[in-house]
Amino acid sequence: MKIVTPLERKEIRKLKAGDEILLSGVIYTARDAAHKRMVKKLPFDLRNQVIYYTGPTPAPPGKIIGSCGPTTGYRMDPYTPTLLRWGLKGMVGKGDRSKEVIEAIKRYQSLYLIALGGCGALYSQFVKRVKLIAYPDLGCEAILKLEVKNFPLIVGIDSYGRDIYK
């Protein structure tokens, strides 16, 4: 199924845990260090957006981005309910999430999408544009705005709280 950002409630509600999707549009990168700062002051409008838990490697010659594989989602669990309350609708990572995050996903009608670990070089092929948004001092953990086309993902936790890991 093809999905385009920004995510809309109607589309989110159609997706079920285990669905395979191809995501296109804008997604933002953010890992642990960026999340710590974001919950104090947002550097971009989160409403209906998707955050990809990745810290891309430097772009090799002739490329716009390096390897951009997922990091473990539960590392962002302390910050996730707040960001969902502020309008975030999708998160991309790997691994399971806490009970509190699953409840927040249900409450705020959002999604946790799974990217496969070890596929960072492959995922970089789906990134069409890159722009630095915030925290350049964090290096590879700076927030980037990525434009992606047909980025392959699996719905890990749907808006009803169904969890592919359970």
N, C-alpha and C. Protein backbone atom coordinates (compact mmCIF):
# COMPACT_ATOMS: atom_id res chain seq x y z
N MET A 1 0.85 -1.17 0.00
CA MET A 1 0.00 0.00 0.00
C MET A 1 0.90 1.24 0.00
N LYS A 2 0.56 2.22 -0.79
CA LYS A 2 1.32 3.46 -0.88
C LYS A 2 0.69 4.51 0.04
N ILE A 3 1.55 5.15 0.84
CA ILE A 3 1.12 6.18 1.79
C ILE A 3 1.98 7.41 1.56
N VAL A 4 1.37 8.59 1.68
CA VAL A 4 2.08 9.85 1.48
C VAL A 4 1.95 10.70 2.74
N THR A 5 3.08 11.34 3.11
CA THR A 5 3.04 12.27 4.24
C THR A 5 2.60 13.64 3.73
N PRO A 6 2.06 14.48 4.60
CA PRO A 6 1.79 14.25 6.02
C PRO A 6 0.68 13.21 6.21
N LEU A 7 0.77 12.48 7.32
CA LEU A 7 -0.19 11.42 7.60
C LEU A 7 -1.53 12.00 8.02
N GLU A 8 -2.58 11.47 7.46
CA GLU A 8 -3.93 11.89 7.80
C GLU A 8 -4.62 10.78 8.58
N ARG A 9 -5.49 11.19 9.50
CA ARG A 9 -6.19 10.22 10.38
C ARG A 9 -6.89 9.13 9.58
N LYS A 10 -7.55 9.49 8.50
CA LYS A 10 -8.29 8.52 7.70
C LYS A 10 -7.36 7.42 7.18
N GLU A 11 -6.18 7.79 6.70
CA GLU A 11 -5.21 6.81 6.20
C GLU A 11 -4.63 5.98 7.34
N ILE A 12 -4.32 6.64 8.44
CA ILE A 12 -3.75 5.94 9.60
C ILE A 12 -4.69 4.85 10.08
N ARG A 13 -5.99 5.14 10.17
CA ARG A 13 -6.97 4.18 10.69
C ARG A 13 -7.13 2.96 9.79
N LYS A 14 -6.79 3.08 8.50
CA LYS A 14 -6.90 1.96 7.56
C LYS A 14 -5.79 0.93 7.75
N LEU A 15 -4.67 1.38 8.30
CA LEU A 15 -3.49 0.51 8.40
C LEU A 15 -3.57 -0.42 9.60
N LYS A 16 -3.11 -1.64 9.40
CA LYS A 16 -3.14 -2.66 10.44
C LYS A 16 -1.72 -3.18 10.68
N ALA A 17 -1.44 -3.58 11.91
CA ALA A 17 -0.14 -4.17 12.24
C ALA A 17 0.16 -5.29 11.26
N GLY A 18 1.37 -5.27 10.70
CA GLY A 18 1.79 -6.27 9.73
C GLY A 18 1.67 -5.81 8.29
N ASP A 19 0.91 -4.74 8.04
CA ASP A 19 0.80 -4.22 6.66
C ASP A 19 2.15 -3.75 6.16
N GLU A 20 2.42 -4.02 4.90
CA GLU A 20 3.62 -3.52 4.25
C GLU A 20 3.23 -2.25 3.49
N ILE A 21 4.02 -1.19 3.68
CA ILE A 21 3.70 0.07 3.01
C ILE A 21 4.92 0.61 2.28
N LEU A 22 4.66 1.52 1.35
CA LEU A 22 5.69 2.29 0.67
C LEU A 22 5.39 3.74 0.99
N LEU A 23 6.25 4.37 1.78
CA LEU A 23 6.03 5.73 2.26
C LEU A 23 6.75 6.73 1.37
N SER A 24 6.02 7.77 0.97
CA SER A 24 6.60 8.85 0.18
C SER A 24 6.27 10.18 0.84
N GLY A 25 7.12 11.18 0.59
CA GLY A 25 6.90 12.51 1.15
C GLY A 25 8.05 12.89 2.06
N VAL A 26 7.74 13.74 3.04
CA VAL A 26 8.74 14.25 3.97
C VAL A 26 8.73 13.45 5.26
N ILE A 27 9.92 13.07 5.71
CA ILE A 27 10.10 12.51 7.05
C ILE A 27 11.30 13.23 7.68
N TYR A 28 11.35 13.23 9.00
CA TYR A 28 12.43 13.90 9.73
C TYR A 28 13.24 12.87 10.48
N THR A 29 14.56 13.07 10.52
CA THR A 29 15.41 12.18 11.31
C THR A 29 15.57 12.76 12.71
N ALA A 30 15.61 11.89 13.70
CA ALA A 30 15.88 12.33 15.08
C ALA A 30 16.17 11.10 15.92
N ARG A 31 17.26 11.18 16.68
CA ARG A 31 17.61 10.12 17.62
C ARG A 31 17.61 10.69 19.04
N ASP A 32 18.19 9.97 19.96
CA ASP A 32 18.15 10.27 21.39
C ASP A 32 18.49 11.73 21.72
N ALA A 33 19.64 12.20 21.28
CA ALA A 33 20.10 13.54 21.64
C ALA A 33 19.14 14.61 21.12
N ALA A 34 18.64 14.43 19.92
CA ALA A 34 17.69 15.40 19.36
C ALA A 34 16.36 15.35 20.12
N HIS A 35 15.92 14.17 20.51
CA HIS A 35 14.68 14.05 21.26
C HIS A 35 14.75 14.81 22.59
N LYS A 36 15.89 14.72 23.26
CA LYS A 36 16.06 15.44 24.53
C LYS A 36 15.84 16.93 24.35
N ARG A 37 16.31 17.46 23.24
CA ARG A 37 16.14 18.89 22.97
C ARG A 37 14.72 19.21 22.47
N MET A 38 14.18 18.34 21.65
CA MET A 38 12.86 18.61 21.06
C MET A 38 11.76 18.74 22.09
N VAL A 39 11.82 17.97 23.16
CA VAL A 39 10.75 18.05 24.16
C VAL A 39 10.80 19.35 24.95
N LYS A 40 11.90 20.11 24.81
CA LYS A 40 12.00 21.43 25.44
C LYS A 40 11.55 22.54 24.49
N LYS A 41 11.93 22.41 23.22
CA LYS A 41 11.53 23.41 22.21
C LYS A 41 11.57 22.75 20.84
N LEU A 42 10.43 22.71 20.18
CA LEU A 42 10.34 22.07 18.87
C LEU A 42 11.01 22.90 17.78
N PRO A 43 11.86 22.27 16.97
CA PRO A 43 12.50 23.01 15.88
C PRO A 43 11.70 22.99 14.57
N PHE A 44 10.60 22.23 14.54
CA PHE A 44 9.72 22.19 13.36
C PHE A 44 8.32 21.78 13.83
N ASP A 45 7.34 22.01 12.98
CA ASP A 45 5.95 21.67 13.30
C ASP A 45 5.77 20.16 13.18
N LEU A 46 5.44 19.52 14.28
CA LEU A 46 5.29 18.06 14.33
C LEU A 46 3.96 17.55 13.79
N ARG A 47 2.97 18.42 13.68
CA ARG A 47 1.62 17.96 13.35
C ARG A 47 1.59 17.12 12.07
N ASN A 48 1.11 15.89 12.22
CA ASN A 48 0.93 14.92 11.14
C ASN A 48 2.23 14.46 10.48
N GLN A 49 3.34 14.66 11.15
CA GLN A 49 4.65 14.32 10.59
C GLN A 49 5.13 12.94 11.05
N VAL A 50 6.22 12.50 10.43
CA VAL A 50 6.86 11.22 10.73
C VAL A 50 8.31 11.48 11.12
N ILE A 51 8.75 10.85 12.21
CA ILE A 51 10.15 10.91 12.61
C ILE A 51 10.77 9.53 12.40
N TYR A 52 11.91 9.54 11.72
CA TYR A 52 12.68 8.32 11.47
C TYR A 52 13.85 8.30 12.44
N TYR A 53 13.91 7.28 13.27
CA TYR A 53 14.99 7.14 14.24
C TYR A 53 16.25 6.64 13.52
N THR A 54 17.01 7.56 13.00
CA THR A 54 18.23 7.23 12.28
C THR A 54 19.24 8.35 12.43
N GLY A 55 20.49 8.01 12.31
CA GLY A 55 21.58 8.97 12.28
C GLY A 55 22.42 8.63 11.06
N PRO A 56 22.08 9.18 9.91
CA PRO A 56 22.76 8.80 8.67
C PRO A 56 24.27 9.02 8.72
N THR A 57 24.97 8.16 8.03
CA THR A 57 26.42 8.34 7.88
C THR A 57 26.66 9.43 6.84
N PRO A 58 27.86 9.98 6.80
CA PRO A 58 28.15 11.01 5.78
C PRO A 58 27.92 10.47 4.37
N ALA A 59 27.48 11.37 3.50
CA ALA A 59 27.23 10.98 2.11
C ALA A 59 28.54 10.67 1.39
N PRO A 60 28.62 9.52 0.74
CA PRO A 60 29.80 9.24 -0.07
C PRO A 60 29.80 10.12 -1.34
N PRO A 61 30.91 10.23 -2.02
CA PRO A 61 30.96 11.04 -3.24
C PRO A 61 29.86 10.66 -4.24
N GLY A 62 29.17 11.66 -4.74
CA GLY A 62 28.12 11.43 -5.72
C GLY A 62 26.77 11.06 -5.13
N LYS A 63 26.66 10.98 -3.82
CA LYS A 63 25.39 10.61 -3.15
C LYS A 63 24.92 11.78 -2.29
N ILE A 64 23.61 11.80 -1.97
CA ILE A 64 23.09 12.87 -1.13
C ILE A 64 23.03 12.49 0.35
N ILE A 65 23.15 11.20 0.62
CA ILE A 65 23.09 10.71 2.00
C ILE A 65 23.85 9.40 2.08
N GLY A 66 24.38 9.12 3.26
CA GLY A 66 25.03 7.83 3.48
C GLY A 66 24.01 6.81 3.95
N SER A 67 24.51 5.74 4.50
CA SER A 67 23.66 4.69 5.05
C SER A 67 22.73 5.28 6.11
N CYS A 68 21.46 4.89 6.07
CA CYS A 68 20.50 5.46 7.02
C CYS A 68 19.56 4.38 7.54
N GLY A 69 20.14 3.46 8.29
CA GLY A 69 19.36 2.39 8.88
C GLY A 69 18.70 2.84 10.18
N PRO A 70 17.70 2.09 10.64
CA PRO A 70 16.96 2.47 11.84
C PRO A 70 17.73 2.18 13.13
N THR A 71 17.43 2.97 14.14
CA THR A 71 17.92 2.68 15.48
C THR A 71 16.73 2.16 16.31
N THR A 72 17.02 1.62 17.47
CA THR A 72 16.02 0.98 18.31
C THR A 72 15.02 2.00 18.87
N GLY A 73 13.75 1.74 18.61
CA GLY A 73 12.70 2.67 18.99
C GLY A 73 12.55 2.91 20.48
N TYR A 74 12.74 1.89 21.31
CA TYR A 74 12.47 2.07 22.73
C TYR A 74 13.39 3.09 23.38
N ARG A 75 14.50 3.42 22.73
CA ARG A 75 15.39 4.45 23.28
C ARG A 75 14.71 5.82 23.28
N MET A 76 13.70 6.00 22.44
CA MET A 76 12.97 7.27 22.38
C MET A 76 11.69 7.24 23.24
N ASP A 77 11.42 6.10 23.89
CA ASP A 77 10.18 5.96 24.67
C ASP A 77 9.94 7.05 25.72
N PRO A 78 10.98 7.53 26.43
CA PRO A 78 10.71 8.58 27.43
C PRO A 78 10.13 9.87 26.83
N TYR A 79 10.38 10.12 25.55
CA TYR A 79 9.96 11.36 24.90
C TYR A 79 8.73 11.20 24.02
N THR A 80 8.42 9.98 23.63
CA THR A 80 7.40 9.72 22.62
C THR A 80 6.00 10.18 23.02
N PRO A 81 5.48 9.88 24.22
CA PRO A 81 4.13 10.35 24.53
C PRO A 81 3.97 11.87 24.40
N THR A 82 4.97 12.62 24.80
CA THR A 82 4.91 14.08 24.68
C THR A 82 4.83 14.49 23.21
N LEU A 83 5.68 13.92 22.38
CA LEU A 83 5.69 14.28 20.96
C LEU A 83 4.40 13.87 20.27
N LEU A 84 3.83 12.73 20.65
CA LEU A 84 2.54 12.33 20.10
C LEU A 84 1.44 13.30 20.52
N ARG A 85 1.48 13.73 21.76
CA ARG A 85 0.49 14.71 22.25
C ARG A 85 0.59 16.01 21.44
N TRP A 86 1.79 16.36 21.00
CA TRP A 86 2.01 17.59 20.23
C TRP A 86 1.70 17.42 18.74
N GLY A 87 1.26 16.23 18.32
CA GLY A 87 0.79 16.06 16.95
C GLY A 87 1.57 15.11 16.06
N LEU A 88 2.69 14.55 16.54
CA LEU A 88 3.44 13.56 15.75
C LEU A 88 2.51 12.39 15.42
N LYS A 89 2.54 11.91 14.17
CA LYS A 89 1.65 10.82 13.77
C LYS A 89 2.35 9.54 13.39
N GLY A 90 3.64 9.58 13.14
CA GLY A 90 4.34 8.37 12.76
C GLY A 90 5.77 8.36 13.24
N MET A 91 6.25 7.18 13.59
CA MET A 91 7.63 6.97 14.01
C MET A 91 8.14 5.76 13.26
N VAL A 92 9.40 5.82 12.84
CA VAL A 92 10.04 4.71 12.13
C VAL A 92 11.26 4.29 12.93
N GLY A 93 11.33 3.02 13.26
CA GLY A 93 12.47 2.49 13.99
C GLY A 93 12.51 0.99 13.87
N LYS A 94 13.21 0.37 14.82
CA LYS A 94 13.22 -1.10 14.88
C LYS A 94 13.00 -1.50 16.33
N GLY A 95 12.48 -2.69 16.51
CA GLY A 95 12.27 -3.21 17.86
C GLY A 95 10.95 -2.79 18.46
N ASP A 96 10.65 -3.39 19.62
CA ASP A 96 9.36 -3.15 20.26
C ASP A 96 9.35 -1.85 21.05
N ARG A 97 8.16 -1.49 21.56
CA ARG A 97 7.97 -0.25 22.31
C ARG A 97 7.33 -0.58 23.65
N SER A 98 7.43 0.36 24.58
CA SER A 98 6.88 0.16 25.92
C SER A 98 5.36 0.21 25.92
N LYS A 99 4.78 -0.31 26.99
CA LYS A 99 3.33 -0.28 27.16
C LYS A 99 2.81 1.16 27.13
N GLU A 100 3.56 2.08 27.75
CA GLU A 100 3.15 3.49 27.78
C GLU A 100 3.11 4.10 26.38
N VAL A 101 4.08 3.75 25.56
CA VAL A 101 4.09 4.26 24.18
C VAL A 101 2.94 3.66 23.38
N ILE A 102 2.69 2.37 23.55
CA ILE A 102 1.57 1.74 22.83
C ILE A 102 0.26 2.42 23.21
N GLU A 103 0.07 2.70 24.49
CA GLU A 103 -1.15 3.41 24.92
C GLU A 103 -1.23 4.80 24.30
N ALA A 104 -0.11 5.50 24.22
CA ALA A 104 -0.09 6.84 23.60
C ALA A 104 -0.37 6.74 22.10
N ILE A 105 0.14 5.72 21.44
CA ILE A 105 -0.14 5.52 20.01
C ILE A 105 -1.65 5.37 19.80
N LYS A 106 -2.29 4.59 20.65
CA LYS A 106 -3.75 4.43 20.57
C LYS A 106 -4.46 5.76 20.86
N ARG A 107 -4.07 6.40 21.93
CA ARG A 107 -4.73 7.65 22.37
C ARG A 107 -4.65 8.74 21.30
N TYR A 108 -3.48 8.86 20.67
CA TYR A 108 -3.27 9.95 19.71
C TYR A 108 -3.38 9.51 18.25
N GLN A 109 -3.90 8.28 18.03
CA GLN A 109 -4.17 7.79 16.68
C GLN A 109 -2.95 7.95 15.77
N SER A 110 -1.88 7.26 16.14
CA SER A 110 -0.64 7.35 15.38
C SER A 110 -0.14 5.95 15.01
N LEU A 111 1.09 5.87 14.50
CA LEU A 111 1.65 4.60 14.02
C LEU A 111 3.11 4.46 14.41
N TYR A 112 3.52 3.24 14.64
CA TYR A 112 4.94 2.91 14.75
C TYR A 112 5.25 2.02 13.56
N LEU A 113 6.16 2.47 12.72
CA LEU A 113 6.53 1.77 11.51
C LEU A 113 7.91 1.15 11.67
N ILE A 114 8.09 -0.03 11.13
CA ILE A 114 9.34 -0.76 11.29
C ILE A 114 10.16 -0.72 10.01
N ALA A 115 11.42 -0.34 10.17
CA ALA A 115 12.41 -0.47 9.12
C ALA A 115 13.35 -1.60 9.54
N LEU A 116 13.82 -2.36 8.61
CA LEU A 116 14.65 -3.51 8.94
C LEU A 116 16.08 -3.11 9.22
N GLY A 117 16.61 -3.61 10.34
CA GLY A 117 18.00 -3.36 10.69
C GLY A 117 18.93 -4.00 9.66
N GLY A 118 20.07 -3.38 9.45
CA GLY A 118 21.04 -3.91 8.50
C GLY A 118 20.79 -3.50 7.06
N CYS A 119 19.78 -2.67 6.85
CA CYS A 119 19.42 -2.27 5.47
C CYS A 119 19.67 -0.79 5.21
N GLY A 120 20.56 -0.17 5.98
CA GLY A 120 20.79 1.27 5.86
C GLY A 120 21.23 1.71 4.48
N ALA A 121 22.12 0.94 3.84
CA ALA A 121 22.57 1.31 2.50
C ALA A 121 21.41 1.21 1.51
N LEU A 122 20.59 0.19 1.66
CA LEU A 122 19.41 0.05 0.80
C LEU A 122 18.45 1.22 1.01
N TYR A 123 18.16 1.56 2.27
CA TYR A 123 17.21 2.64 2.55
C TYR A 123 17.68 3.97 1.98
N SER A 124 18.98 4.19 1.92
CA SER A 124 19.48 5.46 1.38
C SER A 124 19.06 5.67 -0.07
N GLN A 125 18.78 4.61 -0.79
CA GLN A 125 18.37 4.72 -2.19
C GLN A 125 16.98 5.32 -2.36
N PHE A 126 16.19 5.32 -1.30
CA PHE A 126 14.83 5.85 -1.37
C PHE A 126 14.76 7.32 -0.96
N VAL A 127 15.90 7.88 -0.53
CA VAL A 127 15.96 9.28 -0.12
C VAL A 127 16.31 10.13 -1.34
N LYS A 128 15.46 11.10 -1.65
CA LYS A 128 15.62 11.92 -2.85
C LYS A 128 16.18 13.31 -2.57
N ARG A 129 15.95 13.84 -1.36
CA ARG A 129 16.48 15.15 -0.96
C ARG A 129 16.76 15.14 0.53
N VAL A 130 17.75 15.94 0.93
CA VAL A 130 18.14 16.06 2.34
C VAL A 130 18.35 17.53 2.66
N LYS A 131 17.82 17.96 3.81
CA LYS A 131 18.03 19.34 4.26
C LYS A 131 18.23 19.33 5.77
N LEU A 132 19.27 20.01 6.24
CA LEU A 132 19.51 20.15 7.67
C LEU A 132 18.44 21.06 8.26
N ILE A 133 17.81 20.63 9.36
CA ILE A 133 16.76 21.41 10.01
C ILE A 133 17.22 21.99 11.34
N ALA A 134 17.89 21.18 12.17
CA ALA A 134 18.26 21.66 13.51
C ALA A 134 19.40 20.85 14.10
N TYR A 135 20.09 21.47 15.05
CA TYR A 135 21.13 20.84 15.88
C TYR A 135 22.34 20.33 15.09
N PRO A 136 22.94 21.14 14.25
CA PRO A 136 24.11 20.69 13.50
C PRO A 136 25.25 20.23 14.39
N ASP A 137 25.29 20.74 15.63
CA ASP A 137 26.34 20.33 16.56
C ASP A 137 26.25 18.86 16.94
N LEU A 138 25.13 18.21 16.66
CA LEU A 138 24.96 16.79 16.98
C LEU A 138 25.52 15.87 15.90
N GLY A 139 26.08 16.44 14.84
CA GLY A 139 26.66 15.62 13.79
C GLY A 139 25.61 14.73 13.13
N CYS A 140 25.87 13.42 13.10
CA CYS A 140 24.94 12.51 12.43
C CYS A 140 23.58 12.43 13.13
N GLU A 141 23.49 12.96 14.36
CA GLU A 141 22.21 12.95 15.07
C GLU A 141 21.45 14.27 14.93
N ALA A 142 21.93 15.16 14.07
CA ALA A 142 21.19 16.39 13.78
C ALA A 142 19.84 16.03 13.15
N ILE A 143 18.89 16.93 13.24
CA ILE A 143 17.59 16.69 12.60
C ILE A 143 17.70 17.07 11.13
N LEU A 144 17.35 16.12 10.28
CA LEU A 144 17.33 16.32 8.85
C LEU A 144 15.91 16.17 8.33
N LYS A 145 15.59 16.90 7.31
CA LYS A 145 14.33 16.73 6.58
C LYS A 145 14.66 15.91 5.34
N LEU A 146 14.07 14.73 5.24
CA LEU A 146 14.29 13.85 4.11
C LEU A 146 13.05 13.81 3.24
N GLU A 147 13.23 13.89 1.95
CA GLU A 147 12.14 13.60 1.02
C GLU A 147 12.40 12.19 0.51
N VAL A 148 11.42 11.30 0.74
CA VAL A 148 11.57 9.91 0.37
C VAL A 148 10.52 9.51 -0.65
N LYS A 149 10.85 8.48 -1.41
CA LYS A 149 9.91 7.94 -2.41
C LYS A 149 9.88 6.43 -2.27
N ASN A 150 8.68 5.90 -1.98
CA ASN A 150 8.45 4.46 -1.86
C ASN A 150 9.39 3.78 -0.86
N PHE A 151 9.56 4.42 0.29
CA PHE A 151 10.40 3.91 1.37
C PHE A 151 9.68 2.70 1.98
N PRO A 152 10.25 1.50 1.90
CA PRO A 152 9.54 0.28 2.34
C PRO A 152 9.55 0.10 3.86
N LEU A 153 8.36 -0.05 4.42
CA LEU A 153 8.20 -0.19 5.87
C LEU A 153 7.10 -1.20 6.19
N ILE A 154 7.07 -1.61 7.44
CA ILE A 154 6.02 -2.51 7.95
C ILE A 154 5.35 -1.80 9.12
N VAL A 155 4.02 -1.87 9.19
CA VAL A 155 3.31 -1.30 10.33
C VAL A 155 3.57 -2.21 11.52
N GLY A 156 4.30 -1.68 12.51
CA GLY A 156 4.65 -2.45 13.70
C GLY A 156 3.58 -2.36 14.78
N ILE A 157 3.08 -1.14 15.00
CA ILE A 157 1.98 -0.92 15.95
C ILE A 157 1.00 0.01 15.26
N ASP A 158 -0.23 -0.45 15.13
CA ASP A 158 -1.23 0.37 14.45
C ASP A 158 -1.96 1.28 15.44
N SER A 159 -2.84 2.10 14.93
CA SER A 159 -3.53 3.10 15.75
C SER A 159 -4.52 2.49 16.72
N TYR A 160 -4.75 1.19 16.62
CA TYR A 160 -5.62 0.47 17.55
C TYR A 160 -4.80 -0.20 18.66
N GLY A 161 -3.49 -0.09 18.57
CA GLY A 161 -2.62 -0.68 19.58
C GLY A 161 -2.19 -2.10 19.28
N ARG A 162 -2.59 -2.61 18.12
CA ARG A 162 -2.16 -3.96 17.75
C ARG A 162 -0.67 -3.91 17.44
N ASP A 163 0.05 -4.88 18.00
CA ASP A 163 1.51 -4.86 18.00
C ASP A 163 2.05 -6.10 17.32
N ILE A 164 2.80 -5.94 16.25
CA ILE A 164 3.36 -7.06 15.51
C ILE A 164 4.30 -7.92 16.37
N TYR A 165 4.86 -7.31 17.43
CA TYR A 165 5.79 -8.03 18.30
C TYR A 165 5.08 -8.90 19.34
N LYS A 166 3.79 -8.74 19.50
CA LYS A 166 3.06 -9.51 20.52
C LYS A 166 2.39 -10.73 19.92
